[in-house]
Amino acid sequence: MTLVISLIHLLLLALVSCLDETSLKDPFGECPPPRAANAIGLKNQFFPYKNSRYSIQTDTVLWEKFGFVLELTPELLSDNHIGKFPGQAFALSCAPAYNFRNISNIAIILTSPFAGLQNGTDISYLLELSDKTRLSELRDFQNTSNFFLFTLKKEPANFERLKTKTILFLRNGIQITLDSTSPAIQTR
């Protein structure tokens, strides 16, 4: 009897410690709610995969596969997901979501001419998320990932590289910048 009670207790501890707000219908299918956070940096900028890795500036990428990925560094404002037991897990397909409270906007400025545009041009209006929201229009940073995947809406010259300075504007007036150079973009 002690063994049975111990096994039930262990199973209960494992189940409860791994799940928040369990649903009897689908206990492993829920994603956690967005976490309150501040953006404290621009961690990285990536470009599309090539040979199972992110491409670098010496690579060449087809125009159809070109993407612009921006990664923010989040700082959690509170640990609001801690339950009564230690540990938690949700559906494996859940990406962390954040409610960024301190972001005003994000701008991407050319640091060299590109596709007929001059050095210093803000190209935020040329970058779109999958839902067709332009970066220049993005002001709501609630329930978002810390990764933003943009497509470029202006075709460059063949083998041209996109050289940019990304500026993260925070509500307190601080600006965080990150320079990047894309791989060569092959259009033909």
C-alpha atoms as a PDB file:
ATOM      1  CA  MET A   1       0.000   0.000   0.000  1.00  0.00           C
ATOM      2  CA  THR A   2       2.872   2.369   0.811  1.00  0.00           C
ATOM      3  CA  LEU A   3       4.388   1.724  -2.599  1.00  0.00           C
ATOM      4  CA  VAL A   4       1.080   2.471  -4.354  1.00  0.00           C
ATOM      5  CA  ILE A   5       0.597   5.699  -2.384  1.00  0.00           C
ATOM      6  CA  SER A   6       4.196   6.717  -3.094  1.00  0.00           C
ATOM      7  CA  LEU A   7       3.779   6.098  -6.826  1.00  0.00           C
ATOM      8  CA  ILE A   8       0.502   8.060  -6.927  1.00  0.00           C
ATOM      9  CA  HIS A   9       2.139  10.903  -4.985  1.00  0.00           C
ATOM     10  CA  LEU A  10       5.143  10.895  -7.324  1.00  0.00           C
ATOM     11  CA  LEU A  11       2.883  10.919 -10.388  1.00  0.00           C
ATOM     12  CA  LEU A  12       0.840  13.770  -8.922  1.00  0.00           C
ATOM     13  CA  LEU A  13       3.982  15.766  -8.127  1.00  0.00           C
ATOM     14  CA  ALA A  14       5.352  15.233 -11.631  1.00  0.00           C
ATOM     15  CA  LEU A  15       2.076  16.179 -13.320  1.00  0.00           C
ATOM     16  CA  VAL A  16       1.384  19.250 -11.189  1.00  0.00           C
ATOM     17  CA  SER A  17       4.970  20.511 -11.253  1.00  0.00           C
ATOM     18  CA  CYS A  18       5.037  20.361 -15.039  1.00  0.00           C
ATOM     19  CA  LEU A  19       1.717  21.982 -15.836  1.00  0.00           C
ATOM     20  CA  ASP A  20       0.039  25.275 -15.040  1.00  0.00           C
ATOM     21  CA  GLU A  21      -3.711  25.560 -15.434  1.00  0.00           C
ATOM     22  CA  THR A  22      -4.196  21.993 -16.578  1.00  0.00           C
ATOM     23  CA  SER A  23      -7.159  21.233 -18.775  1.00  0.00           C
ATOM     24  CA  LEU A  24      -8.824  17.871 -18.335  1.00  0.00           C
ATOM     25  CA  LYS A  25      -9.541  17.733 -22.081  1.00  0.00           C
ATOM     26  CA  ASP A  26      -6.015  18.564 -23.268  1.00  0.00           C
ATOM     27  CA  PRO A  27      -3.515  18.944 -20.402  1.00  0.00           C
ATOM     28  CA  PHE A  28      -0.476  19.305 -22.665  1.00  0.00           C
ATOM     29  CA  GLY A  29      -2.027  21.555 -25.325  1.00  0.00           C
ATOM     30  CA  GLU A  30      -2.019  24.975 -23.653  1.00  0.00           C
ATOM     31  CA  CYS A  31       0.593  27.650 -24.030  1.00  0.00           C
ATOM     32  CA  PRO A  32       1.510  29.911 -21.143  1.00  0.00           C
ATOM     33  CA  PRO A  33       0.250  33.495 -21.206  1.00  0.00           C
ATOM     34  CA  PRO A  34       2.678  36.246 -22.276  1.00  0.00           C
ATOM     35  CA  ARG A  35       5.156  37.333 -19.615  1.00  0.00           C
ATOM     36  CA  ALA A  36       5.666  40.965 -18.676  1.00  0.00           C
ATOM     37  CA  ALA A  37       9.122  42.040 -19.838  1.00  0.00           C
ATOM     38  CA  ASN A  38      11.337  44.917 -20.838  1.00  0.00           C
ATOM     39  CA  ALA A  39      13.614  44.788 -23.858  1.00  0.00           C
ATOM     40  CA  ILE A  40      17.155  45.397 -22.663  1.00  0.00           C
ATOM     41  CA  GLY A  41      19.027  44.843 -25.898  1.00  0.00           C
ATOM     42  CA  LEU A  42      19.253  43.732 -29.483  1.00  0.00           C
ATOM     43  CA  LYS A  43      20.749  40.286 -29.098  1.00  0.00           C
ATOM     44  CA  ASN A  44      21.276  39.421 -32.726  1.00  0.00           C
ATOM     45  CA  GLN A  45      20.232  39.786 -36.318  1.00  0.00           C
ATOM     46  CA  PHE A  46      19.956  36.709 -38.489  1.00  0.00           C
ATOM     47  CA  PHE A  47      19.444  36.015 -42.145  1.00  0.00           C
ATOM     48  CA  PRO A  48      17.975  32.885 -43.763  1.00  0.00           C
ATOM     49  CA  TYR A  49      19.408  29.448 -43.294  1.00  0.00           C
ATOM     50  CA  LYS A  50      21.927  28.017 -45.679  1.00  0.00           C
ATOM     51  CA  ASN A  51      23.182  24.460 -45.214  1.00  0.00           C
ATOM     52  CA  SER A  52      21.378  24.077 -41.830  1.00  0.00           C
ATOM     53  CA  ARG A  53      22.768  27.290 -40.313  1.00  0.00           C
ATOM     54  CA  TYR A  54      22.078  30.980 -40.455  1.00  0.00           C
ATOM     55  CA  SER A  55      23.827  32.569 -43.395  1.00  0.00           C
ATOM     56  CA  ILE A  56      26.648  35.049 -42.873  1.00  0.00           C
ATOM     57  CA  GLN A  57      27.726  38.041 -44.934  1.00  0.00           C
ATOM     58  CA  THR A  58      30.087  35.992 -47.109  1.00  0.00           C
ATOM     59  CA  ASP A  59      27.234  33.693 -48.229  1.00  0.00           C
ATOM     60  CA  THR A  60      24.839  34.134 -51.128  1.00  0.00           C
ATOM     61  CA  VAL A  61      21.077  33.740 -50.591  1.00  0.00           C
ATOM     62  CA  LEU A  62      18.275  33.595 -53.148  1.00  0.00           C
ATOM     63  CA  TRP A  63      15.946  36.620 -53.115  1.00  0.00           C
ATOM     64  CA  GLU A  64      12.909  34.346 -52.637  1.00  0.00           C
ATOM     65  CA  LYS A  65      14.419  32.952 -49.433  1.00  0.00           C
ATOM     66  CA  PHE A  66      15.780  36.194 -48.031  1.00  0.00           C
ATOM     67  CA  GLY A  67      14.483  37.180 -44.600  1.00  0.00           C
ATOM     68  CA  PHE A  68      15.510  39.562 -41.888  1.00  0.00           C
ATOM     69  CA  VAL A  69      15.305  38.186 -38.325  1.00  0.00           C
ATOM     70  CA  LEU A  70      15.716  40.457 -35.328  1.00  0.00           C
ATOM     71  CA  GLU A  71      16.176  39.032 -31.820  1.00  0.00           C
ATOM     72  CA  LEU A  72      15.473  41.150 -28.744  1.00  0.00           C
ATOM     73  CA  THR A  73      16.900  40.442 -25.300  1.00  0.00           C
ATOM     74  CA  PRO A  74      14.009  40.304 -22.813  1.00  0.00           C
ATOM     75  CA  GLU A  75      14.242  40.997 -19.083  1.00  0.00           C
ATOM     76  CA  LEU A  76      11.330  39.500 -17.163  1.00  0.00           C
ATOM     77  CA  LEU A  77       9.582  41.953 -14.862  1.00  0.00           C
ATOM     78  CA  SER A  78       8.074  39.283 -12.635  1.00  0.00           C
ATOM     79  CA  ASP A  79       8.065  35.559 -12.367  1.00  0.00           C
ATOM     80  CA  ASN A  80       4.294  35.232 -12.690  1.00  0.00           C
ATOM     81  CA  HIS A  81       4.287  31.589 -13.809  1.00  0.00           C
ATOM     82  CA  ILE A  82       5.526  29.977 -10.653  1.00  0.00           C
ATOM     83  CA  GLY A  83       2.901  27.639  -9.320  1.00  0.00           C
ATOM     84  CA  LYS A  84       2.688  25.786  -6.048  1.00  0.00           C
ATOM     85  CA  PHE A  85       5.254  23.224  -7.173  1.00  0.00           C
ATOM     86  CA  PRO A  86       8.655  23.855  -8.773  1.00  0.00           C
ATOM     87  CA  GLY A  87       9.035  23.552 -12.530  1.00  0.00           C
ATOM     88  CA  GLN A  88       6.623  23.921 -15.390  1.00  0.00           C
ATOM     89  CA  ALA A  89       6.127  22.796 -18.942  1.00  0.00           C
ATOM     90  CA  PHE A  90       3.610  23.496 -21.650  1.00  0.00           C
ATOM     91  CA  ALA A  91       2.906  22.169 -25.115  1.00  0.00           C
ATOM     92  CA  LEU A  92       6.147  21.611 -26.986  1.00  0.00           C
ATOM     93  CA  SER A  93       5.043  23.883 -29.820  1.00  0.00           C
ATOM     94  CA  CYS A  94       4.808  26.954 -27.561  1.00  0.00           C
ATOM     95  CA  ALA A  95       7.261  29.741 -28.191  1.00  0.00           C
ATOM     96  CA  PRO A  96       7.780  32.147 -25.303  1.00  0.00           C
ATOM     97  CA  ALA A  97       5.554  35.213 -25.613  1.00  0.00           C
ATOM     98  CA  TYR A  98       6.228  38.570 -23.991  1.00  0.00           C
ATOM     99  CA  ASN A  99       4.404  41.791 -23.251  1.00  0.00           C
ATOM    100  CA  PHE A 100       7.231  44.247 -23.860  1.00  0.00           C
ATOM    101  CA  ARG A 101       6.403  47.345 -21.856  1.00  0.00           C
ATOM    102  CA  ASN A 102       9.310  49.645 -22.618  1.00  0.00           C
ATOM    103  CA  ILE A 103       9.582  49.589 -26.434  1.00  0.00           C
ATOM    104  CA  SER A 104       8.555  52.715 -28.294  1.00  0.00           C
ATOM    105  CA  ASN A 105       9.492  51.556 -31.794  1.00  0.00           C
ATOM    106  CA  ILE A 106      12.183  49.942 -33.930  1.00  0.00           C
ATOM    107  CA  ALA A 107      13.860  51.540 -36.942  1.00  0.00           C
ATOM    108  CA  ILE A 108      16.240  50.060 -39.490  1.00  0.00           C
ATOM    109  CA  ILE A 109      18.526  52.545 -41.235  1.00  0.00           C
ATOM    110  CA  LEU A 110      20.734  51.867 -44.271  1.00  0.00           C
ATOM    111  CA  THR A 111      24.446  52.314 -43.618  1.00  0.00           C
ATOM    112  CA  SER A 112      25.261  52.053 -47.326  1.00  0.00           C
ATOM    113  CA  PRO A 113      23.181  52.516 -50.499  1.00  0.00           C
ATOM    114  CA  PHE A 114      20.809  49.625 -51.300  1.00  0.00           C
ATOM    115  CA  ALA A 115      18.357  48.991 -54.167  1.00  0.00           C
ATOM    116  CA  GLY A 116      18.516  52.611 -55.321  1.00  0.00           C
ATOM    117  CA  LEU A 117      18.031  53.995 -51.789  1.00  0.00           C
ATOM    118  CA  GLN A 118      20.579  56.330 -50.227  1.00  0.00           C
ATOM    119  CA  ASN A 119      22.716  55.781 -47.163  1.00  0.00           C
ATOM    120  CA  GLY A 120      20.768  56.920 -44.058  1.00  0.00           C
ATOM    121  CA  THR A 121      17.325  55.938 -45.403  1.00  0.00           C
ATOM    122  CA  ASP A 122      14.946  54.395 -42.872  1.00  0.00           C
ATOM    123  CA  ILE A 123      13.739  51.175 -44.547  1.00  0.00           C
ATOM    124  CA  SER A 124      11.285  50.200 -41.793  1.00  0.00           C
ATOM    125  CA  TYR A 125       8.418  50.727 -44.236  1.00  0.00           C
ATOM    126  CA  LEU A 126       9.944  48.060 -46.533  1.00  0.00           C
ATOM    127  CA  LEU A 127      10.035  45.318 -43.884  1.00  0.00           C
ATOM    128  CA  GLU A 128       6.864  43.283 -43.217  1.00  0.00           C
ATOM    129  CA  LEU A 129       5.868  40.645 -40.709  1.00  0.00           C
ATOM    130  CA  SER A 130       3.939  37.565 -41.879  1.00  0.00           C
ATOM    131  CA  ASP A 131       0.626  39.323 -41.111  1.00  0.00           C
ATOM    132  CA  LYS A 132       1.620  42.167 -43.516  1.00  0.00           C
ATOM    133  CA  THR A 133       2.266  44.640 -40.674  1.00  0.00           C
ATOM    134  CA  ARG A 134       5.122  46.932 -41.638  1.00  0.00           C
ATOM    135  CA  LEU A 135       7.865  47.539 -39.110  1.00  0.00           C
ATOM    136  CA  SER A 136       7.236  51.287 -39.467  1.00  0.00           C
ATOM    137  CA  GLU A 137       3.630  50.710 -38.242  1.00  0.00           C
ATOM    138  CA  LEU A 138       4.488  48.328 -35.407  1.00  0.00           C
ATOM    139  CA  ARG A 139       3.800  49.995 -32.059  1.00  0.00           C
ATOM    140  CA  ASP A 140       2.111  47.203 -30.113  1.00  0.00           C
ATOM    141  CA  PHE A 141       4.678  44.895 -28.584  1.00  0.00           C
ATOM    142  CA  GLN A 142       2.180  42.920 -26.486  1.00  0.00           C
ATOM    143  CA  ASN A 143       1.924  39.149 -26.870  1.00  0.00           C
ATOM    144  CA  THR A 144       4.942  38.939 -29.171  1.00  0.00           C
ATOM    145  CA  SER A 145       7.993  36.762 -29.438  1.00  0.00           C
ATOM    146  CA  ASN A 146      11.453  38.168 -28.903  1.00  0.00           C
ATOM    147  CA  PHE A 147      12.128  37.122 -32.530  1.00  0.00           C
ATOM    148  CA  PHE A 148      10.763  39.192 -35.407  1.00  0.00           C
ATOM    149  CA  LEU A 149      10.945  37.742 -38.950  1.00  0.00           C
ATOM    150  CA  PHE A 150      10.593  40.358 -41.682  1.00  0.00           C
ATOM    151  CA  THR A 151      10.439  40.055 -45.437  1.00  0.00           C
ATOM    152  CA  LEU A 152      11.963  42.809 -47.538  1.00  0.00           C
ATOM    153  CA  LYS A 153       9.511  44.376 -50.011  1.00  0.00           C
ATOM    154  CA  LYS A 154      12.070  45.953 -52.364  1.00  0.00           C
ATOM    155  CA  GLU A 155      14.104  43.795 -54.715  1.00  0.00           C
ATOM    156  CA  PRO A 156      17.796  44.701 -54.738  1.00  0.00           C
ATOM    157  CA  ALA A 157      20.299  44.550 -57.572  1.00  0.00           C
ATOM    158  CA  ASN A 158      21.767  41.100 -58.153  1.00  0.00           C
ATOM    159  CA  PHE A 159      24.310  40.135 -55.435  1.00  0.00           C
ATOM    160  CA  GLU A 160      23.699  43.300 -53.430  1.00  0.00           C
ATOM    161  CA  ARG A 161      24.172  43.256 -49.631  1.00  0.00           C
ATOM    162  CA  LEU A 162      21.903  44.967 -47.117  1.00  0.00           C
ATOM    163  CA  LYS A 163      23.971  46.957 -44.609  1.00  0.00           C
ATOM    164  CA  THR A 164      21.929  48.376 -41.764  1.00  0.00           C
ATOM    165  CA  LYS A 165      21.862  49.892 -38.306  1.00  0.00           C
ATOM    166  CA  THR A 166      18.906  48.701 -36.247  1.00  0.00           C
ATOM    167  CA  ILE A 167      17.766  51.123 -33.561  1.00  0.00           C
ATOM    168  CA  LEU A 168      15.582  49.985 -30.677  1.00  0.00           C
ATOM    169  CA  PHE A 169      13.873  53.053 -29.179  1.00  0.00           C
ATOM    170  CA  LEU A 170      12.850  52.645 -25.548  1.00  0.00           C
ATOM    171  CA  ARG A 171      10.158  54.706 -23.834  1.00  0.00           C
ATOM    172  CA  ASN A 172      12.708  56.249 -21.454  1.00  0.00           C
ATOM    173  CA  GLY A 173      14.621  57.807 -24.366  1.00  0.00           C
ATOM    174  CA  ILE A 174      17.423  55.223 -24.552  1.00  0.00           C
ATOM    175  CA  GLN A 175      18.399  53.988 -28.012  1.00  0.00           C
ATOM    176  CA  ILE A 176      20.062  50.598 -28.496  1.00  0.00           C
ATOM    177  CA  THR A 177      21.766  49.972 -31.828  1.00  0.00           C
ATOM    178  CA  LEU A 178      23.055  46.962 -33.745  1.00  0.00           C
ATOM    179  CA  ASP A 179      24.883  47.003 -37.084  1.00  0.00           C
ATOM    180  CA  SER A 180      24.590  44.144 -39.560  1.00  0.00           C
ATOM    181  CA  THR A 181      25.493  43.102 -43.090  1.00  0.00           C
ATOM    182  CA  SER A 182      23.383  40.587 -44.954  1.00  0.00           C
ATOM    183  CA  PRO A 183      24.649  37.858 -47.259  1.00  0.00           C
ATOM    184  CA  ALA A 184      24.706  38.695 -50.949  1.00  0.00           C
ATOM    185  CA  ILE A 185      21.167  38.531 -52.341  1.00  0.00           C
ATOM    186  CA  GLN A 186      20.912  36.693 -55.652  1.00  0.00           C
ATOM    187  CA  THR A 187      17.958  37.914 -57.706  1.00  0.00           C
ATOM    188  CA  ARG A 188      18.584  36.030 -60.989  1.00  0.00           C
END
